[in-house]
Amino acid sequence: MANALDVKGFSLTYPGAARPVFEGLDLTVVEGETVALRGESGAGKSSLLLCACGLIPGSIPAETSGGLLLFGRPPAAYSRAELCRGGGMVFQNPATQLFCGTAELELAFGLENLRVPREEMRGRVREALEAVGLWQRRGEAPSRLSGGQKQLLALAAVLALKPRLLLLDEALSQLDAPTAARMMELLLPLKAAGQSMLFVDHNETRCQFADRIVEL
């Protein structure tokens, strides 16, 4: 069985940068493992997650070298649809990934692109929105939701795709304590069910949720 993520001697440099963000990086995330990634600002935590889900260099230009495998294959070897199922990323700022007219359409958009059958799609949308407490607001525009609710919606949209590796880039850092606790409650059963997770967070208490903490 392939690891969820295998990084070997990996280096990343952005265009025009004087030096790499990181170089010679080694990291393994075993399938079913939850790993917390910590480090100072600029250490490359977000960049690594963007590489894992294929946005670097697929959509964001950067020079990379070394090896990075997502479930045994380089992200570039996957189709766009396969990447959505392989690595699903929740960003720190939900505004970067919410763009549909209603909360319900936000979840349906990704599922439509994956050609999920309509009846299954309806079930997944309802299940994910109910899990984050937003089913009753399914017809509202994301812009009408609070900051915490937008982040919960972004999480629901990714979870509806059922990614094999869940990537969280400081997804809880801007939330108030009750909403952050709500998100952690959603992640606990996923962890127990063997969901592979790699998350960036500076909060020591939340990092204890992980099987392992890695300093970058």
C-alpha atoms as a PDB file:
ATOM      1  CA  MET A   1       0.000   0.000   0.000  1.00  0.00           C
ATOM      2  CA  ALA A   2       1.410   3.399  -1.035  1.00  0.00           C
ATOM      3  CA  ASN A   3       1.855   6.148   1.531  1.00  0.00           C
ATOM      4  CA  ALA A   4      -0.532   9.083   1.390  1.00  0.00           C
ATOM      5  CA  LEU A   5       2.422  11.404   0.792  1.00  0.00           C
ATOM      6  CA  ASP A   6       6.086  10.658   0.097  1.00  0.00           C
ATOM      7  CA  VAL A   7       8.487  13.604  -0.112  1.00  0.00           C
ATOM      8  CA  LYS A   8      12.144  12.795  -0.806  1.00  0.00           C
ATOM      9  CA  GLY A   9      14.931  15.352  -1.287  1.00  0.00           C
ATOM     10  CA  PHE A  10      12.313  17.880  -2.408  1.00  0.00           C
ATOM     11  CA  SER A  11      13.179  21.512  -3.152  1.00  0.00           C
ATOM     12  CA  LEU A  12      10.986  24.462  -4.160  1.00  0.00           C
ATOM     13  CA  THR A  13      11.941  27.874  -5.539  1.00  0.00           C
ATOM     14  CA  TYR A  14       9.530  30.593  -6.667  1.00  0.00           C
ATOM     15  CA  PRO A  15      10.305  32.620  -9.812  1.00  0.00           C
ATOM     16  CA  GLY A  16      12.729  35.471  -9.092  1.00  0.00           C
ATOM     17  CA  ALA A  17      13.480  34.248  -5.560  1.00  0.00           C
ATOM     18  CA  ALA A  18      17.098  34.435  -4.396  1.00  0.00           C
ATOM     19  CA  ARG A  19      16.922  31.101  -2.625  1.00  0.00           C
ATOM     20  CA  PRO A  20      14.625  28.083  -2.268  1.00  0.00           C
ATOM     21  CA  VAL A  21      11.707  28.088   0.146  1.00  0.00           C
ATOM     22  CA  PHE A  22      13.053  24.723   1.288  1.00  0.00           C
ATOM     23  CA  GLU A  23      15.469  22.183  -0.154  1.00  0.00           C
ATOM     24  CA  GLY A  24      16.270  18.536   0.433  1.00  0.00           C
ATOM     25  CA  LEU A  25      12.985  18.062   2.283  1.00  0.00           C
ATOM     26  CA  ASP A  26      11.985  14.547   3.382  1.00  0.00           C
ATOM     27  CA  LEU A  27       8.528  13.783   4.771  1.00  0.00           C
ATOM     28  CA  THR A  28       6.246  10.757   4.794  1.00  0.00           C
ATOM     29  CA  VAL A  29       2.560  10.691   5.705  1.00  0.00           C
ATOM     30  CA  VAL A  30       1.387   7.111   6.091  1.00  0.00           C
ATOM     31  CA  GLU A  31      -2.107   6.394   4.810  1.00  0.00           C
ATOM     32  CA  GLY A  32      -4.539   6.796   7.705  1.00  0.00           C
ATOM     33  CA  GLU A  33      -2.130   9.035   9.659  1.00  0.00           C
ATOM     34  CA  THR A  34      -2.785  12.572  10.902  1.00  0.00           C
ATOM     35  CA  VAL A  35       0.292  14.800  10.800  1.00  0.00           C
ATOM     36  CA  ALA A  36       0.548  18.366  12.138  1.00  0.00           C
ATOM     37  CA  LEU A  37       3.009  20.632  10.331  1.00  0.00           C
ATOM     38  CA  ARG A  38       4.551  23.519  12.250  1.00  0.00           C
ATOM     39  CA  GLY A  39       7.262  26.068  11.561  1.00  0.00           C
ATOM     40  CA  GLU A  40       8.099  29.740  11.385  1.00  0.00           C
ATOM     41  CA  SER A  41       6.473  32.054   8.859  1.00  0.00           C
ATOM     42  CA  GLY A  42       8.110  31.570   5.470  1.00  0.00           C
ATOM     43  CA  ALA A  43       9.295  28.039   6.218  1.00  0.00           C
ATOM     44  CA  GLY A  44       7.188  26.727   3.341  1.00  0.00           C
ATOM     45  CA  LYS A  45       4.306  25.004   5.133  1.00  0.00           C
ATOM     46  CA  SER A  46       1.602  26.326   2.807  1.00  0.00           C
ATOM     47  CA  SER A  47       3.841  25.798  -0.213  1.00  0.00           C
ATOM     48  CA  LEU A  48       4.278  22.136   0.654  1.00  0.00           C
ATOM     49  CA  LEU A  49       0.511  21.639   0.876  1.00  0.00           C
ATOM     50  CA  LEU A  50       0.065  23.391  -2.476  1.00  0.00           C
ATOM     51  CA  CYS A  51       2.562  20.960  -3.968  1.00  0.00           C
ATOM     52  CA  ALA A  52       0.770  17.996  -2.403  1.00  0.00           C
ATOM     53  CA  CYS A  53      -2.555  18.904  -4.024  1.00  0.00           C
ATOM     54  CA  GLY A  54      -0.952  19.723  -7.373  1.00  0.00           C
ATOM     55  CA  LEU A  55      -1.531  23.488  -7.418  1.00  0.00           C
ATOM     56  CA  ILE A  56       2.267  23.893  -7.528  1.00  0.00           C
ATOM     57  CA  PRO A  57       3.447  23.792 -10.234  1.00  0.00           C
ATOM     58  CA  GLY A  58       0.172  22.942 -11.986  1.00  0.00           C
ATOM     59  CA  SER A  59      -1.426  26.377 -11.452  1.00  0.00           C
ATOM     60  CA  ILE A  60       1.157  28.347  -9.450  1.00  0.00           C
ATOM     61  CA  PRO A  61       4.553  28.624 -11.179  1.00  0.00           C
ATOM     62  CA  ALA A  62       7.558  27.391  -9.229  1.00  0.00           C
ATOM     63  CA  GLU A  63      10.663  25.336  -9.852  1.00  0.00           C
ATOM     64  CA  THR A  64      10.733  22.016  -8.036  1.00  0.00           C
ATOM     65  CA  SER A  65      13.225  19.178  -7.828  1.00  0.00           C
ATOM     66  CA  GLY A  66      13.373  15.887  -5.998  1.00  0.00           C
ATOM     67  CA  GLY A  67      10.418  13.592  -5.436  1.00  0.00           C
ATOM     68  CA  LEU A  68       6.875  14.149  -4.230  1.00  0.00           C
ATOM     69  CA  LEU A  69       4.356  11.331  -4.563  1.00  0.00           C
ATOM     70  CA  LEU A  70       0.669  11.444  -3.705  1.00  0.00           C
ATOM     71  CA  PHE A  71      -0.489   7.866  -3.072  1.00  0.00           C
ATOM     72  CA  GLY A  72       2.416   6.540  -5.080  1.00  0.00           C
ATOM     73  CA  ARG A  73       2.217   8.874  -8.086  1.00  0.00           C
ATOM     74  CA  PRO A  74       3.450  12.425  -8.769  1.00  0.00           C
ATOM     75  CA  PRO A  75       0.563  14.915  -8.737  1.00  0.00           C
ATOM     76  CA  ALA A  76       1.312  15.787 -12.384  1.00  0.00           C
ATOM     77  CA  ALA A  77       0.397  12.208 -13.349  1.00  0.00           C
ATOM     78  CA  TYR A  78      -3.184  12.681 -12.128  1.00  0.00           C
ATOM     79  CA  SER A  79      -6.041  14.242 -14.032  1.00  0.00           C
ATOM     80  CA  ARG A  80      -7.722  17.257 -12.428  1.00  0.00           C
ATOM     81  CA  ALA A  81     -10.599  15.066 -11.270  1.00  0.00           C
ATOM     82  CA  GLU A  82      -8.214  12.511  -9.794  1.00  0.00           C
ATOM     83  CA  LEU A  83      -6.347  15.252  -7.928  1.00  0.00           C
ATOM     84  CA  CYS A  84      -9.598  16.433  -6.306  1.00  0.00           C
ATOM     85  CA  ARG A  85     -10.128  12.918  -5.013  1.00  0.00           C
ATOM     86  CA  GLY A  86      -6.472  12.531  -4.036  1.00  0.00           C
ATOM     87  CA  GLY A  87      -5.790  15.710  -2.087  1.00  0.00           C
ATOM     88  CA  GLY A  88      -8.493  18.107  -0.893  1.00  0.00           C
ATOM     89  CA  MET A  89      -7.294  21.409   0.524  1.00  0.00           C
ATOM     90  CA  VAL A  90      -9.020  23.868   2.872  1.00  0.00           C
ATOM     91  CA  PHE A  91      -7.312  27.262   2.834  1.00  0.00           C
ATOM     92  CA  GLN A  92      -6.813  29.707   5.695  1.00  0.00           C
ATOM     93  CA  ASN A  93      -9.053  32.300   4.043  1.00  0.00           C
ATOM     94  CA  PRO A  94     -12.357  30.788   2.837  1.00  0.00           C
ATOM     95  CA  ALA A  95     -12.835  33.703   0.434  1.00  0.00           C
ATOM     96  CA  THR A  96     -10.195  32.096  -1.791  1.00  0.00           C
ATOM     97  CA  GLN A  97     -12.364  29.036  -2.447  1.00  0.00           C
ATOM     98  CA  LEU A  98     -16.015  30.131  -2.200  1.00  0.00           C
ATOM     99  CA  PHE A  99     -17.522  31.551  -5.378  1.00  0.00           C
ATOM    100  CA  CYS A 100     -20.975  30.032  -6.041  1.00  0.00           C
ATOM    101  CA  GLY A 101     -24.341  31.708  -5.526  1.00  0.00           C
ATOM    102  CA  THR A 102     -25.569  29.565  -2.655  1.00  0.00           C
ATOM    103  CA  ALA A 103     -24.100  27.257  -0.026  1.00  0.00           C
ATOM    104  CA  GLU A 104     -25.785  24.268  -1.675  1.00  0.00           C
ATOM    105  CA  LEU A 105     -24.345  25.112  -5.105  1.00  0.00           C
ATOM    106  CA  GLU A 106     -20.921  25.511  -3.525  1.00  0.00           C
ATOM    107  CA  LEU A 107     -20.883  21.827  -2.649  1.00  0.00           C
ATOM    108  CA  ALA A 108     -22.598  20.691  -5.841  1.00  0.00           C
ATOM    109  CA  PHE A 109     -20.069  22.460  -8.073  1.00  0.00           C
ATOM    110  CA  GLY A 110     -17.179  20.124  -7.347  1.00  0.00           C
ATOM    111  CA  LEU A 111     -19.380  17.033  -7.446  1.00  0.00           C
ATOM    112  CA  GLU A 112     -20.783  18.046 -10.840  1.00  0.00           C
ATOM    113  CA  ASN A 113     -17.258  18.369 -12.206  1.00  0.00           C
ATOM    114  CA  LEU A 114     -16.508  14.855 -10.926  1.00  0.00           C
ATOM    115  CA  ARG A 115     -19.676  13.629 -12.679  1.00  0.00           C
ATOM    116  CA  VAL A 116     -21.149  12.232  -9.486  1.00  0.00           C
ATOM    117  CA  PRO A 117     -24.645  10.835 -10.194  1.00  0.00           C
ATOM    118  CA  ARG A 118     -27.407  13.280  -9.283  1.00  0.00           C
ATOM    119  CA  GLU A 119     -28.994  11.229  -6.506  1.00  0.00           C
ATOM    120  CA  GLU A 120     -25.633  10.528  -4.902  1.00  0.00           C
ATOM    121  CA  MET A 121     -24.773  14.212  -5.246  1.00  0.00           C
ATOM    122  CA  ARG A 122     -27.916  15.272  -3.384  1.00  0.00           C
ATOM    123  CA  GLY A 123     -27.053  12.880  -0.568  1.00  0.00           C
ATOM    124  CA  ARG A 124     -23.451  14.047  -0.288  1.00  0.00           C
ATOM    125  CA  VAL A 125     -24.446  17.719  -0.297  1.00  0.00           C
ATOM    126  CA  ARG A 126     -27.021  17.251   2.438  1.00  0.00           C
ATOM    127  CA  GLU A 127     -24.747  15.034   4.543  1.00  0.00           C
ATOM    128  CA  ALA A 128     -21.856  17.525   4.418  1.00  0.00           C
ATOM    129  CA  LEU A 129     -24.014  20.601   5.089  1.00  0.00           C
ATOM    130  CA  GLU A 130     -25.776  18.898   7.984  1.00  0.00           C
ATOM    131  CA  ALA A 131     -22.416  17.886   9.442  1.00  0.00           C
ATOM    132  CA  VAL A 132     -21.285  21.518   9.617  1.00  0.00           C
ATOM    133  CA  GLY A 133     -24.693  22.830  10.728  1.00  0.00           C
ATOM    134  CA  LEU A 134     -25.482  24.737   7.517  1.00  0.00           C
ATOM    135  CA  TRP A 135     -28.240  22.656   5.935  1.00  0.00           C
ATOM    136  CA  GLN A 136     -30.921  25.144   6.983  1.00  0.00           C
ATOM    137  CA  ARG A 137     -28.940  27.900   5.231  1.00  0.00           C
ATOM    138  CA  ARG A 138     -28.298  25.960   2.046  1.00  0.00           C
ATOM    139  CA  GLY A 139     -30.133  28.498  -0.107  1.00  0.00           C
ATOM    140  CA  GLU A 140     -28.185  31.513   1.154  1.00  0.00           C
ATOM    141  CA  ALA A 141     -25.234  33.167  -0.541  1.00  0.00           C
ATOM    142  CA  PRO A 142     -21.886  32.447   1.157  1.00  0.00           C
ATOM    143  CA  SER A 143     -21.407  36.210   1.475  1.00  0.00           C
ATOM    144  CA  ARG A 144     -24.278  36.284   4.015  1.00  0.00           C
ATOM    145  CA  LEU A 145     -22.529  33.819   6.316  1.00  0.00           C
ATOM    146  CA  SER A 146     -20.223  34.759   9.162  1.00  0.00           C
ATOM    147  CA  GLY A 147     -16.487  34.218   8.829  1.00  0.00           C
ATOM    148  CA  GLY A 148     -16.651  31.009  10.834  1.00  0.00           C
ATOM    149  CA  GLN A 149     -19.604  29.705   8.837  1.00  0.00           C
ATOM    150  CA  LYS A 150     -17.747  30.404   5.597  1.00  0.00           C
ATOM    151  CA  GLN A 151     -14.841  28.305   6.842  1.00  0.00           C
ATOM    152  CA  LEU A 152     -17.232  25.503   7.792  1.00  0.00           C
ATOM    153  CA  LEU A 153     -18.750  25.726   4.310  1.00  0.00           C
ATOM    154  CA  ALA A 154     -15.302  25.507   2.716  1.00  0.00           C
ATOM    155  CA  LEU A 155     -14.589  22.403   4.793  1.00  0.00           C
ATOM    156  CA  ALA A 156     -17.931  20.869   3.823  1.00  0.00           C
ATOM    157  CA  ALA A 157     -17.229  21.502   0.121  1.00  0.00           C
ATOM    158  CA  VAL A 158     -13.942  19.624   0.365  1.00  0.00           C
ATOM    159  CA  LEU A 159     -15.324  16.790   2.503  1.00  0.00           C
ATOM    160  CA  ALA A 160     -18.151  16.240   0.006  1.00  0.00           C
ATOM    161  CA  LEU A 161     -15.491  15.286  -2.559  1.00  0.00           C
ATOM    162  CA  LYS A 162     -14.215  12.549  -0.191  1.00  0.00           C
ATOM    163  CA  PRO A 163     -10.491  13.245  -0.719  1.00  0.00           C
ATOM    164  CA  ARG A 164      -8.059  10.501   0.291  1.00  0.00           C
ATOM    165  CA  LEU A 165      -5.727  13.093   1.863  1.00  0.00           C
ATOM    166  CA  LEU A 166      -7.256  16.078   3.654  1.00  0.00           C
ATOM    167  CA  LEU A 167      -4.987  19.145   3.651  1.00  0.00           C
ATOM    168  CA  LEU A 168      -5.757  21.965   6.109  1.00  0.00           C
ATOM    169  CA  ASP A 169      -3.704  25.144   5.743  1.00  0.00           C
ATOM    170  CA  GLU A 170      -4.251  26.960   9.068  1.00  0.00           C
ATOM    171  CA  ALA A 171      -7.949  26.436   8.433  1.00  0.00           C
ATOM    172  CA  LEU A 172      -8.779  27.088  12.097  1.00  0.00           C
ATOM    173  CA  SER A 173      -6.454  30.011  12.788  1.00  0.00           C
ATOM    174  CA  GLN A 174      -8.971  32.809  12.095  1.00  0.00           C
ATOM    175  CA  LEU A 175     -11.911  31.204  13.906  1.00  0.00           C
ATOM    176  CA  ASP A 176     -13.291  32.055  17.305  1.00  0.00           C
ATOM    177  CA  ALA A 177     -12.980  29.370  19.969  1.00  0.00           C
ATOM    178  CA  PRO A 178     -16.494  27.852  19.583  1.00  0.00           C
ATOM    179  CA  THR A 179     -16.220  27.563  15.786  1.00  0.00           C
ATOM    180  CA  ALA A 180     -12.701  26.130  15.985  1.00  0.00           C
ATOM    181  CA  ALA A 181     -13.995  23.568  18.484  1.00  0.00           C
ATOM    182  CA  ARG A 182     -16.845  22.757  16.093  1.00  0.00           C
ATOM    183  CA  MET A 183     -14.375  22.053  13.290  1.00  0.00           C
ATOM    184  CA  MET A 184     -12.283  19.855  15.559  1.00  0.00           C
ATOM    185  CA  GLU A 185     -15.432  17.890  16.434  1.00  0.00           C
ATOM    186  CA  LEU A 186     -15.935  17.257  12.725  1.00  0.00           C
ATOM    187  CA  LEU A 187     -12.363  16.058  12.264  1.00  0.00           C
ATOM    188  CA  LEU A 188     -12.337  13.611  15.185  1.00  0.00           C
ATOM    189  CA  PRO A 189     -14.605  10.953  13.613  1.00  0.00           C
ATOM    190  CA  LEU A 190     -12.730  11.317  10.323  1.00  0.00           C
ATOM    191  CA  LYS A 191      -9.465  10.592  12.118  1.00  0.00           C
ATOM    192  CA  ALA A 192     -11.025   7.625  13.885  1.00  0.00           C
ATOM    193  CA  ALA A 193     -12.224   6.287  10.517  1.00  0.00           C
ATOM    194  CA  GLY A 194      -8.683   6.413   9.093  1.00  0.00           C
ATOM    195  CA  GLN A 195      -8.822   9.629   7.077  1.00  0.00           C
ATOM    196  CA  SER A 196      -5.306  10.703   6.083  1.00  0.00           C
ATOM    197  CA  MET A 197      -4.675  14.316   7.158  1.00  0.00           C
ATOM    198  CA  LEU A 198      -1.857  16.838   6.943  1.00  0.00           C
ATOM    199  CA  PHE A 199      -2.595  20.131   8.645  1.00  0.00           C
ATOM    200  CA  VAL A 200      -0.745  23.338   9.369  1.00  0.00           C
ATOM    201  CA  ASP A 201      -1.458  24.909  12.749  1.00  0.00           C
ATOM    202  CA  HIS A 202       0.438  26.874  15.407  1.00  0.00           C
ATOM    203  CA  ASN A 203      -1.930  26.044  18.241  1.00  0.00           C
ATOM    204  CA  GLU A 204      -0.230  23.535  20.541  1.00  0.00           C
ATOM    205  CA  THR A 205      -3.501  22.107  21.843  1.00  0.00           C
ATOM    206  CA  ARG A 206      -4.867  21.444  18.358  1.00  0.00           C
ATOM    207  CA  CYS A 207      -1.549  19.948  17.262  1.00  0.00           C
ATOM    208  CA  GLN A 208      -1.919  17.317  19.980  1.00  0.00           C
ATOM    209  CA  PHE A 209      -4.827  16.004  17.893  1.00  0.00           C
ATOM    210  CA  ALA A 210      -2.245  14.680  15.430  1.00  0.00           C
ATOM    211  CA  ASP A 211      -0.495  11.321  15.533  1.00  0.00           C
ATOM    212  CA  ARG A 212       2.773  13.142  14.873  1.00  0.00           C
ATOM    213  CA  ILE A 213       4.047  16.738  14.823  1.00  0.00           C
ATOM    214  CA  VAL A 214       6.622  17.768  12.209  1.00  0.00           C
ATOM    215  CA  GLU A 215       8.645  20.985  12.480  1.00  0.00           C
ATOM    216  CA  LEU A 216       9.520  22.494   9.109  1.00  0.00           C
END
